[in-house]
PDB file of all heavy atoms in Angstrom:
ATOM      1  N   PRO A   1      -3.122 -11.640 -18.061  1.00  0.00           N
ATOM      2  CA  PRO A   1      -4.115 -12.272 -18.936  1.00  0.00           C
ATOM      3  C   PRO A   1      -5.226 -11.276 -19.290  1.00  0.00           C
ATOM      4  O   PRO A   1      -5.669 -10.504 -18.431  1.00  0.00           O
ATOM      5  CB  PRO A   1      -4.662 -13.423 -18.082  1.00  0.00           C
ATOM      6  CG  PRO A   1      -3.625 -13.662 -17.050  1.00  0.00           C
ATOM      7  CD  PRO A   1      -2.990 -12.352 -16.766  1.00  0.00           C
ATOM      8  N   SER A   2      -5.692 -11.305 -20.515  1.00  0.00           N
ATOM      9  CA  SER A   2      -6.677 -10.321 -20.965  1.00  0.00           C
ATOM     10  C   SER A   2      -8.042 -10.512 -20.317  1.00  0.00           C
ATOM     11  O   SER A   2      -8.861  -9.583 -20.294  1.00  0.00           O
ATOM     12  CB  SER A   2      -6.813 -10.371 -22.492  1.00  0.00           C
ATOM     13  OG  SER A   2      -7.217 -11.658 -22.919  1.00  0.00           O
ATOM     14  N   ASN A   3      -8.309 -11.719 -19.780  1.00  0.00           N
ATOM     15  CA  ASN A   3      -9.583 -11.982 -19.111  1.00  0.00           C
ATOM     16  C   ASN A   3      -9.429 -12.153 -17.604  1.00  0.00           C
ATOM     17  O   ASN A   3     -10.280 -12.767 -16.944  1.00  0.00           O
ATOM     18  CB  ASN A   3     -10.241 -13.231 -19.715  1.00  0.00           C
ATOM     19  CG  ASN A   3     -10.653 -13.016 -21.160  1.00  0.00           C
ATOM     20  OD1 ASN A   3     -11.349 -12.065 -21.476  1.00  0.00           O
ATOM     21  ND2 ASN A   3     -10.184 -13.884 -22.041  1.00  0.00           N
ATOM     22  N   LEU A   4      -8.384 -11.590 -17.048  1.00  0.00           N
ATOM     23  CA  LEU A   4      -8.125 -11.693 -15.621  1.00  0.00           C
ATOM     24  C   LEU A   4      -9.275 -11.089 -14.815  1.00  0.00           C
ATOM     25  O   LEU A   4      -9.793 -10.028 -15.150  1.00  0.00           O
ATOM     26  CB  LEU A   4      -6.823 -10.962 -15.282  1.00  0.00           C
ATOM     27  CG  LEU A   4      -6.307 -11.111 -13.857  1.00  0.00           C
ATOM     28  CD1 LEU A   4      -5.804 -12.527 -13.624  1.00  0.00           C
ATOM     29  CD2 LEU A   4      -5.196 -10.093 -13.586  1.00  0.00           C
ATOM     30  N   GLU A   5      -9.654 -11.776 -13.721  1.00  0.00           N
ATOM     31  CA  GLU A   5     -10.763 -11.295 -12.895  1.00  0.00           C
ATOM     32  C   GLU A   5     -10.315 -10.769 -11.533  1.00  0.00           C
ATOM     33  O   GLU A   5     -11.032  -9.974 -10.918  1.00  0.00           O
ATOM     34  CB  GLU A   5     -11.785 -12.417 -12.706  1.00  0.00           C
ATOM     35  CG  GLU A   5     -12.476 -12.821 -14.001  1.00  0.00           C
ATOM     36  CD  GLU A   5     -13.534 -13.885 -13.793  1.00  0.00           C
ATOM     37  OE1 GLU A   5     -13.710 -14.335 -12.637  1.00  0.00           O
ATOM     38  OE2 GLU A   5     -14.181 -14.280 -14.783  1.00  0.00           O
ATOM     39  N   GLY A   6      -9.161 -11.214 -11.043  1.00  0.00           N
ATOM     40  CA  GLY A   6      -8.769 -10.774  -9.711  1.00  0.00           C
ATOM     41  C   GLY A   6      -7.272 -10.753  -9.472  1.00  0.00           C
ATOM     42  O   GLY A   6      -6.511 -11.507 -10.095  1.00  0.00           O
ATOM     43  N   ILE A   7      -6.865  -9.853  -8.557  1.00  0.00           N
ATOM     44  CA  ILE A   7      -5.485  -9.790  -8.082  1.00  0.00           C
ATOM     45  C   ILE A   7      -5.553  -9.913  -6.567  1.00  0.00           C
ATOM     46  O   ILE A   7      -6.112  -9.042  -5.893  1.00  0.00           O
ATOM     47  CB  ILE A   7      -4.787  -8.487  -8.507  1.00  0.00           C
ATOM     48  CG1 ILE A   7      -4.778  -8.365 -10.037  1.00  0.00           C
ATOM     49  CG2 ILE A   7      -3.356  -8.445  -7.968  1.00  0.00           C
ATOM     50  CD1 ILE A   7      -4.193  -7.065 -10.548  1.00  0.00           C
ATOM     51  N   CYS A   8      -5.010 -10.993  -6.029  1.00  0.00           N
ATOM     52  CA  CYS A   8      -5.192 -11.317  -4.615  1.00  0.00           C
ATOM     53  C   CYS A   8      -4.222 -10.568  -3.702  1.00  0.00           C
ATOM     54  O   CYS A   8      -3.285  -9.907  -4.155  1.00  0.00           O
ATOM     55  CB  CYS A   8      -5.052 -12.829  -4.414  1.00  0.00           C
ATOM     56  SG  CYS A   8      -6.321 -13.778  -5.276  1.00  0.00           S
ATOM     57  N   ASP A   9      -4.445 -10.696  -2.431  1.00  0.00           N
ATOM     58  CA  ASP A   9      -3.694  -9.977  -1.402  1.00  0.00           C
ATOM     59  C   ASP A   9      -2.193 -10.211  -1.540  1.00  0.00           C
ATOM     60  O   ASP A   9      -1.725 -11.338  -1.584  1.00  0.00           O
ATOM     61  CB  ASP A   9      -4.158 -10.451  -0.020  1.00  0.00           C
ATOM     62  CG  ASP A   9      -3.449  -9.710   1.111  1.00  0.00           C
ATOM     63  OD1 ASP A   9      -3.142  -8.526   0.923  1.00  0.00           O
ATOM     64  OD2 ASP A   9      -3.215 -10.329   2.159  1.00  0.00           O
ATOM     65  N   GLY A  10      -1.455  -9.115  -1.624  1.00  0.00           N
ATOM     66  CA  GLY A  10       0.000  -9.185  -1.663  1.00  0.00           C
ATOM     67  C   GLY A  10       0.596  -9.689  -2.958  1.00  0.00           C
ATOM     68  O   GLY A  10       1.810  -9.918  -3.030  1.00  0.00           O
ATOM     69  N   ALA A  11      -0.213  -9.858  -3.988  1.00  0.00           N
ATOM     70  CA  ALA A  11       0.258 -10.474  -5.233  1.00  0.00           C
ATOM     71  C   ALA A  11       1.516  -9.810  -5.788  1.00  0.00           C
ATOM     72  O   ALA A  11       2.455 -10.486  -6.225  1.00  0.00           O
ATOM     73  CB  ALA A  11      -0.847 -10.447  -6.282  1.00  0.00           C
ATOM     74  N   PHE A  12       1.539  -8.473  -5.758  1.00  0.00           N
ATOM     75  CA  PHE A  12       2.700  -7.732  -6.260  1.00  0.00           C
ATOM     76  C   PHE A  12       3.300  -6.834  -5.172  1.00  0.00           C
ATOM     77  O   PHE A  12       3.941  -5.827  -5.474  1.00  0.00           O
ATOM     78  CB  PHE A  12       2.310  -6.885  -7.470  1.00  0.00           C
ATOM     79  CG  PHE A  12       1.904  -7.694  -8.674  1.00  0.00           C
ATOM     80  CD1 PHE A  12       0.564  -7.897  -8.975  1.00  0.00           C
ATOM     81  CD2 PHE A  12       2.854  -8.256  -9.503  1.00  0.00           C
ATOM     82  CE1 PHE A  12       0.184  -8.642 -10.079  1.00  0.00           C
ATOM     83  CE2 PHE A  12       2.493  -9.003 -10.607  1.00  0.00           C
ATOM     84  CZ  PHE A  12       1.150  -9.197 -10.899  1.00  0.00           C
ATOM     85  N   SER A  13       3.113  -7.177  -3.928  1.00  0.00           N
ATOM     86  CA  SER A  13       3.619  -6.322  -2.853  1.00  0.00           C
ATOM     87  C   SER A  13       5.146  -6.297  -2.826  1.00  0.00           C
ATOM     88  O   SER A  13       5.800  -7.286  -3.141  1.00  0.00           O
ATOM     89  CB  SER A  13       3.072  -6.788  -1.498  1.00  0.00           C
ATOM     90  OG  SER A  13       3.435  -8.124  -1.245  1.00  0.00           O
ATOM     91  N   PHE A  14       5.688  -5.147  -2.490  1.00  0.00           N
ATOM     92  CA  PHE A  14       7.133  -4.927  -2.399  1.00  0.00           C
ATOM     93  C   PHE A  14       7.856  -5.160  -3.734  1.00  0.00           C
ATOM     94  O   PHE A  14       9.025  -5.555  -3.746  1.00  0.00           O
ATOM     95  CB  PHE A  14       7.747  -5.790  -1.297  1.00  0.00           C
ATOM     96  CG  PHE A  14       7.238  -5.465   0.079  1.00  0.00           C
ATOM     97  CD1 PHE A  14       6.148  -6.149   0.602  1.00  0.00           C
ATOM     98  CD2 PHE A  14       7.816  -4.464   0.840  1.00  0.00           C
ATOM     99  CE1 PHE A  14       5.651  -5.852   1.871  1.00  0.00           C
ATOM    100  CE2 PHE A  14       7.323  -4.156   2.111  1.00  0.00           C
ATOM    101  CZ  PHE A  14       6.241  -4.844   2.620  1.00  0.00           C
ATOM    102  N   CYS A  15       7.141  -4.910  -4.830  1.00  0.00           N
ATOM    103  CA  CYS A  15       7.780  -4.921  -6.153  1.00  0.00           C
ATOM    104  C   CYS A  15       8.273  -3.504  -6.416  1.00  0.00           C
ATOM    105  O   CYS A  15       7.578  -2.681  -7.032  1.00  0.00           O
ATOM    106  CB  CYS A  15       6.794  -5.392  -7.224  1.00  0.00           C
ATOM    107  SG  CYS A  15       6.369  -7.144  -7.104  1.00  0.00           S
ATOM    108  N   ASP A  16       9.475  -3.205  -5.954  1.00  0.00           N
ATOM    109  CA  ASP A  16       9.985  -1.838  -5.927  1.00  0.00           C
ATOM    110  C   ASP A  16      10.113  -1.188  -7.295  1.00  0.00           C
ATOM    111  O   ASP A  16      10.030   0.038  -7.422  1.00  0.00           O
ATOM    112  CB  ASP A  16      11.368  -1.815  -5.248  1.00  0.00           C
ATOM    113  CG  ASP A  16      11.320  -2.259  -3.806  1.00  0.00           C
ATOM    114  OD1 ASP A  16      10.209  -2.421  -3.268  1.00  0.00           O
ATOM    115  OD2 ASP A  16      12.395  -2.459  -3.208  1.00  0.00           O
ATOM    116  N   SER A  17      10.358  -1.998  -8.342  1.00  0.00           N
ATOM    117  CA  SER A  17      10.632  -1.445  -9.668  1.00  0.00           C
ATOM    118  C   SER A  17       9.399  -1.351 -10.565  1.00  0.00           C
ATOM    119  O   SER A  17       9.476  -0.812 -11.679  1.00  0.00           O
ATOM    120  CB  SER A  17      11.701  -2.294 -10.373  1.00  0.00           C
ATOM    121  OG  SER A  17      12.895  -2.318  -9.634  1.00  0.00           O
ATOM    122  N   LEU A  18       8.267  -1.855 -10.090  1.00  0.00           N
ATOM    123  CA  LEU A  18       7.049  -1.861 -10.901  1.00  0.00           C
ATOM    124  C   LEU A  18       6.491  -0.442 -11.002  1.00  0.00           C
ATOM    125  O   LEU A  18       6.099   0.155 -10.006  1.00  0.00           O
ATOM    126  CB  LEU A  18       6.016  -2.787 -10.280  1.00  0.00           C
ATOM    127  CG  LEU A  18       4.768  -3.106 -11.104  1.00  0.00           C
ATOM    128  CD1 LEU A  18       5.152  -3.832 -12.392  1.00  0.00           C
ATOM    129  CD2 LEU A  18       3.793  -3.953 -10.295  1.00  0.00           C
ATOM    130  N   GLU A  19       6.478   0.103 -12.227  1.00  0.00           N
ATOM    131  CA  GLU A  19       6.059   1.489 -12.440  1.00  0.00           C
ATOM    132  C   GLU A  19       4.642   1.606 -12.976  1.00  0.00           C
ATOM    133  O   GLU A  19       3.944   2.578 -12.681  1.00  0.00           O
ATOM    134  CB  GLU A  19       7.027   2.189 -13.397  1.00  0.00           C
ATOM    135  CG  GLU A  19       8.446   2.319 -12.844  1.00  0.00           C
ATOM    136  CD  GLU A  19       9.378   3.006 -13.808  1.00  0.00           C
ATOM    137  OE1 GLU A  19       8.937   3.324 -14.934  1.00  0.00           O
ATOM    138  OE2 GLU A  19      10.550   3.223 -13.452  1.00  0.00           O
ATOM    139  N   SER A  20       4.231   0.651 -13.784  1.00  0.00           N
ATOM    140  CA  SER A  20       2.885   0.702 -14.361  1.00  0.00           C
ATOM    141  C   SER A  20       2.405  -0.705 -14.671  1.00  0.00           C
ATOM    142  O   SER A  20       3.192  -1.642 -14.796  1.00  0.00           O
ATOM    143  CB  SER A  20       2.873   1.550 -15.638  1.00  0.00           C
ATOM    144  OG  SER A  20       3.673   0.958 -16.647  1.00  0.00           O
ATOM    145  N   LEU A  21       1.090  -0.827 -14.787  1.00  0.00           N
ATOM    146  CA  LEU A  21       0.480  -2.126 -15.047  1.00  0.00           C
ATOM    147  C   LEU A  21      -0.786  -1.908 -15.851  1.00  0.00           C
ATOM    148  O   LEU A  21      -1.627  -1.080 -15.488  1.00  0.00           O
ATOM    149  CB  LEU A  21       0.161  -2.824 -13.721  1.00  0.00           C
ATOM    150  CG  LEU A  21      -0.065  -4.330 -13.736  1.00  0.00           C
ATOM    151  CD1 LEU A  21       1.211  -5.069 -14.152  1.00  0.00           C
ATOM    152  CD2 LEU A  21      -0.497  -4.811 -12.356  1.00  0.00           C
ATOM    153  N   ASN A  22      -0.914  -2.640 -16.951  1.00  0.00           N
ATOM    154  CA  ASN A  22      -2.128  -2.551 -17.764  1.00  0.00           C
ATOM    155  C   ASN A  22      -3.168  -3.524 -17.221  1.00  0.00           C
ATOM    156  O   ASN A  22      -3.041  -4.740 -17.365  1.00  0.00           O
ATOM    157  CB  ASN A  22      -1.814  -2.873 -19.225  1.00  0.00           C
ATOM    158  CG  ASN A  22      -0.990  -1.790 -19.883  1.00  0.00           C
ATOM    159  OD1 ASN A  22      -1.175  -0.611 -19.610  1.00  0.00           O
ATOM    160  ND2 ASN A  22      -0.057  -2.180 -20.741  1.00  0.00           N
ATOM    161  N   ILE A  23      -4.177  -2.961 -16.574  1.00  0.00           N
ATOM    162  CA  ILE A  23      -5.238  -3.774 -15.972  1.00  0.00           C
ATOM    163  C   ILE A  23      -6.322  -4.052 -17.018  1.00  0.00           C
ATOM    164  O   ILE A  23      -6.870  -3.120 -17.607  1.00  0.00           O
ATOM    165  CB  ILE A  23      -5.864  -3.053 -14.766  1.00  0.00           C
ATOM    166  CG1 ILE A  23      -4.806  -2.768 -13.696  1.00  0.00           C
ATOM    167  CG2 ILE A  23      -7.007  -3.875 -14.190  1.00  0.00           C
ATOM    168  CD1 ILE A  23      -4.228  -3.987 -13.051  1.00  0.00           C
ATOM    169  N   PRO A  24      -6.664  -5.322 -17.260  1.00  0.00           N
ATOM    170  CA  PRO A  24      -7.705  -5.628 -18.257  1.00  0.00           C
ATOM    171  C   PRO A  24      -9.099  -5.194 -17.789  1.00  0.00           C
ATOM    172  O   PRO A  24      -9.370  -5.106 -16.595  1.00  0.00           O
ATOM    173  CB  PRO A  24      -7.620  -7.145 -18.396  1.00  0.00           C
ATOM    174  CG  PRO A  24      -6.992  -7.610 -17.130  1.00  0.00           C
ATOM    175  CD  PRO A  24      -6.070  -6.534 -16.674  1.00  0.00           C
ATOM    176  N   MET A  25      -9.971  -4.929 -18.743  1.00  0.00           N
ATOM    177  CA  MET A  25     -11.335  -4.488 -18.448  1.00  0.00           C
ATOM    178  C   MET A  25     -12.137  -5.554 -17.716  1.00  0.00           C
ATOM    179  O   MET A  25     -13.127  -5.245 -17.049  1.00  0.00           O
ATOM    180  CB  MET A  25     -12.048  -4.116 -19.755  1.00  0.00           C
ATOM    181  CG  MET A  25     -11.437  -2.938 -20.486  1.00  0.00           C
ATOM    182  SD  MET A  25     -11.569  -1.397 -19.551  1.00  0.00           S
ATOM    183  CE  MET A  25     -13.340  -1.142 -19.586  1.00  0.00           C
ATOM    184  N   SER A  26     -11.711  -6.791 -17.822  1.00  0.00           N
ATOM    185  CA  SER A  26     -12.433  -7.898 -17.185  1.00  0.00           C
ATOM    186  C   SER A  26     -12.241  -7.953 -15.676  1.00  0.00           C
ATOM    187  O   SER A  26     -12.975  -8.671 -14.981  1.00  0.00           O
ATOM    188  CB  SER A  26     -11.964  -9.223 -17.795  1.00  0.00           C
ATOM    189  OG  SER A  26     -10.552  -9.373 -17.614  1.00  0.00           O
ATOM    190  N   LEU A  27     -11.285  -7.189 -15.124  1.00  0.00           N
ATOM    191  CA  LEU A  27     -10.944  -7.291 -13.705  1.00  0.00           C
ATOM    192  C   LEU A  27     -12.127  -6.924 -12.815  1.00  0.00           C
ATOM    193  O   LEU A  27     -12.750  -5.887 -12.991  1.00  0.00           O
ATOM    194  CB  LEU A  27      -9.746  -6.394 -13.383  1.00  0.00           C
ATOM    195  CG  LEU A  27      -9.062  -6.694 -12.050  1.00  0.00           C
ATOM    196  CD1 LEU A  27      -8.260  -7.983 -12.141  1.00  0.00           C
ATOM    197  CD2 LEU A  27      -8.160  -5.541 -11.635  1.00  0.00           C
ATOM    198  N   LYS A  28     -12.413  -7.777 -11.824  1.00  0.00           N
ATOM    199  CA  LYS A  28     -13.537  -7.570 -10.917  1.00  0.00           C
ATOM    200  C   LYS A  28     -13.107  -7.126  -9.522  1.00  0.00           C
ATOM    201  O   LYS A  28     -13.868  -6.467  -8.825  1.00  0.00           O
ATOM    202  CB  LYS A  28     -14.356  -8.856 -10.815  1.00  0.00           C
ATOM    203  CG  LYS A  28     -15.008  -9.276 -12.131  1.00  0.00           C
ATOM    204  CD  LYS A  28     -15.781 -10.583 -11.963  1.00  0.00           C
ATOM    205  CE  LYS A  28     -16.438 -11.004 -13.271  1.00  0.00           C
ATOM    206  NZ  LYS A  28     -17.174 -12.295 -13.136  1.00  0.00           N
TER     207      LYS A  28
END
């Protein structure tokens, strides 16, 4: 989401194939 504020503990843990992620400027 373009207005995302947080990514919590383990949210994407052990995602072996994840190479990149576009983090929105709103993230706190």
